[in-house]
N, C-alpha and C. Protein backbone atom coordinates (compact mmCIF):
# COMPACT_ATOMS: atom_id res chain seq x y z
N MET A 1 27.10 -0.62 -165.05
CA MET A 1 26.80 -0.93 -163.69
C MET A 1 25.78 0.06 -163.11
N ASP A 2 25.67 1.24 -163.68
CA ASP A 2 24.72 2.22 -163.19
C ASP A 2 23.36 2.07 -163.83
N GLN A 3 23.22 1.07 -164.71
CA GLN A 3 21.93 0.88 -165.39
C GLN A 3 20.94 0.19 -164.47
N GLU A 4 19.71 0.72 -164.47
CA GLU A 4 18.65 0.06 -163.72
C GLU A 4 18.08 -1.05 -164.59
N PRO A 5 17.67 -2.15 -163.97
CA PRO A 5 17.06 -3.21 -164.77
C PRO A 5 15.73 -2.74 -165.35
N ASP A 6 15.35 -3.33 -166.47
CA ASP A 6 14.08 -2.96 -167.09
C ASP A 6 12.94 -3.25 -166.13
N LYS A 7 12.04 -2.27 -166.02
CA LYS A 7 10.89 -2.44 -165.12
C LYS A 7 9.73 -3.03 -165.88
N ILE A 8 8.95 -3.84 -165.19
CA ILE A 8 7.77 -4.45 -165.79
C ILE A 8 6.62 -3.46 -165.68
N VAL A 9 5.96 -3.22 -166.80
CA VAL A 9 4.82 -2.32 -166.82
C VAL A 9 3.57 -3.16 -167.03
N LEU A 10 2.64 -3.08 -166.06
CA LEU A 10 1.42 -3.86 -166.14
C LEU A 10 0.37 -3.12 -166.96
N SER A 11 -0.42 -3.89 -167.68
CA SER A 11 -1.53 -3.30 -168.42
C SER A 11 -2.65 -2.99 -167.43
N GLU A 12 -3.64 -2.23 -167.88
CA GLU A 12 -4.76 -1.88 -167.02
C GLU A 12 -5.53 -3.14 -166.59
N GLU A 13 -5.66 -4.09 -167.50
CA GLU A 13 -6.36 -5.33 -167.16
C GLU A 13 -5.61 -6.10 -166.08
N GLN A 14 -4.29 -6.15 -166.17
CA GLN A 14 -3.48 -6.84 -165.16
C GLN A 14 -3.57 -6.13 -163.81
N LYS A 15 -3.61 -4.80 -163.83
CA LYS A 15 -3.76 -4.04 -162.58
C LYS A 15 -5.11 -4.33 -161.94
N ARG A 16 -6.17 -4.39 -162.75
CA ARG A 16 -7.51 -4.68 -162.23
C ARG A 16 -7.57 -6.09 -161.65
N THR A 17 -6.95 -7.03 -162.35
CA THR A 17 -6.93 -8.42 -161.88
C THR A 17 -6.16 -8.53 -160.57
N ARG A 18 -5.03 -7.85 -160.49
CA ARG A 18 -4.23 -7.88 -159.26
C ARG A 18 -5.01 -7.28 -158.10
N ARG A 19 -5.70 -6.16 -158.34
CA ARG A 19 -6.49 -5.52 -157.28
C ARG A 19 -7.64 -6.42 -156.84
N ALA A 20 -8.31 -7.05 -157.79
CA ALA A 20 -9.42 -7.95 -157.46
C ALA A 20 -8.92 -9.12 -156.62
N ARG A 21 -7.77 -9.66 -156.97
CA ARG A 21 -7.20 -10.77 -156.21
C ARG A 21 -6.81 -10.32 -154.80
N SER A 22 -6.26 -9.13 -154.67
CA SER A 22 -5.89 -8.60 -153.36
C SER A 22 -7.12 -8.38 -152.49
N VAL A 23 -8.19 -7.88 -153.08
CA VAL A 23 -9.43 -7.66 -152.33
C VAL A 23 -10.00 -9.00 -151.89
N ALA A 24 -9.96 -10.00 -152.76
CA ALA A 24 -10.48 -11.33 -152.41
C ALA A 24 -9.68 -11.93 -151.26
N ILE A 25 -8.37 -11.80 -151.28
CA ILE A 25 -7.54 -12.32 -150.20
C ILE A 25 -7.83 -11.59 -148.90
N ALA A 26 -7.98 -10.27 -148.97
CA ALA A 26 -8.29 -9.49 -147.76
C ALA A 26 -9.64 -9.90 -147.18
N LEU A 27 -10.63 -10.09 -148.03
CA LEU A 27 -11.94 -10.52 -147.55
C LEU A 27 -11.87 -11.91 -146.91
N ALA A 28 -11.14 -12.81 -147.52
CA ALA A 28 -11.00 -14.17 -146.97
C ALA A 28 -10.34 -14.12 -145.60
N LEU A 29 -9.29 -13.30 -145.45
CA LEU A 29 -8.63 -13.17 -144.16
C LEU A 29 -9.56 -12.56 -143.13
N GLY A 30 -10.34 -11.56 -143.54
CA GLY A 30 -11.31 -10.94 -142.63
C GLY A 30 -12.35 -11.94 -142.16
N VAL A 31 -12.84 -12.77 -143.07
CA VAL A 31 -13.83 -13.78 -142.71
C VAL A 31 -13.23 -14.78 -141.72
N LEU A 32 -11.98 -15.17 -141.93
CA LEU A 32 -11.32 -16.10 -141.00
C LEU A 32 -11.18 -15.49 -139.61
N VAL A 33 -10.79 -14.22 -139.55
CA VAL A 33 -10.66 -13.55 -138.25
C VAL A 33 -12.00 -13.53 -137.53
N ILE A 34 -13.05 -13.16 -138.24
CA ILE A 34 -14.39 -13.12 -137.65
C ILE A 34 -14.82 -14.52 -137.21
N LEU A 35 -14.54 -15.52 -138.02
CA LEU A 35 -14.89 -16.90 -137.66
C LEU A 35 -14.19 -17.34 -136.38
N PHE A 36 -12.89 -17.08 -136.28
CA PHE A 36 -12.15 -17.44 -135.07
C PHE A 36 -12.71 -16.71 -133.85
N TYR A 37 -13.06 -15.44 -134.01
CA TYR A 37 -13.61 -14.65 -132.92
C TYR A 37 -14.95 -15.23 -132.46
N VAL A 38 -15.81 -15.55 -133.41
CA VAL A 38 -17.13 -16.11 -133.08
C VAL A 38 -16.99 -17.46 -132.40
N VAL A 39 -16.10 -18.30 -132.89
CA VAL A 39 -15.90 -19.63 -132.28
C VAL A 39 -15.40 -19.46 -130.85
N THR A 40 -14.51 -18.51 -130.63
CA THR A 40 -14.00 -18.26 -129.28
C THR A 40 -15.14 -17.80 -128.37
N LEU A 41 -16.02 -16.93 -128.86
CA LEU A 41 -17.15 -16.48 -128.05
C LEU A 41 -18.11 -17.62 -127.74
N ILE A 42 -18.32 -18.50 -128.71
CA ILE A 42 -19.24 -19.62 -128.50
C ILE A 42 -18.69 -20.59 -127.47
N LYS A 43 -17.38 -20.85 -127.52
CA LYS A 43 -16.78 -21.77 -126.56
C LYS A 43 -16.78 -21.17 -125.16
N GLY A 44 -16.83 -19.87 -125.07
CA GLY A 44 -16.92 -19.20 -123.78
C GLY A 44 -15.60 -19.15 -123.03
N PRO A 45 -15.68 -18.82 -121.75
CA PRO A 45 -14.45 -18.65 -120.95
C PRO A 45 -13.72 -19.97 -120.70
N GLY A 46 -14.33 -21.09 -121.03
CA GLY A 46 -13.67 -22.37 -120.85
C GLY A 46 -12.41 -22.50 -121.67
N VAL A 47 -12.29 -21.70 -122.70
CA VAL A 47 -11.09 -21.73 -123.54
C VAL A 47 -9.85 -21.35 -122.71
N LEU A 48 -10.04 -20.45 -121.73
CA LEU A 48 -8.92 -19.97 -120.93
C LEU A 48 -8.56 -20.91 -119.79
N ASN A 49 -9.44 -21.83 -119.43
CA ASN A 49 -9.20 -22.74 -118.31
C ASN A 49 -8.54 -24.03 -118.78
N ARG A 50 -7.29 -23.91 -119.20
CA ARG A 50 -6.53 -25.07 -119.65
C ARG A 50 -5.39 -25.33 -118.68
N PRO A 51 -5.04 -26.59 -118.50
CA PRO A 51 -3.88 -26.86 -117.63
C PRO A 51 -2.59 -26.36 -118.31
N LEU A 52 -1.67 -25.91 -117.52
CA LEU A 52 -0.42 -25.37 -118.07
C LEU A 52 0.59 -26.42 -118.34
C-alpha cells in the first residue's frame, strides 16, 4: 500500500513534441484574444449600447 505507482518517463523527443504543442496552443489562444480585441475596437462603443 505504500508503493508509489510507476511513473512515466518521457523521452527527449516526446518532451520536445509536448513543448511544441503547448507553444502552438498558447499562440493560437493569443491570436484569438487579439482578434476578439480588434473586432471589439472595430465595432466601437456600439457594442455596449444593448438593451437589457
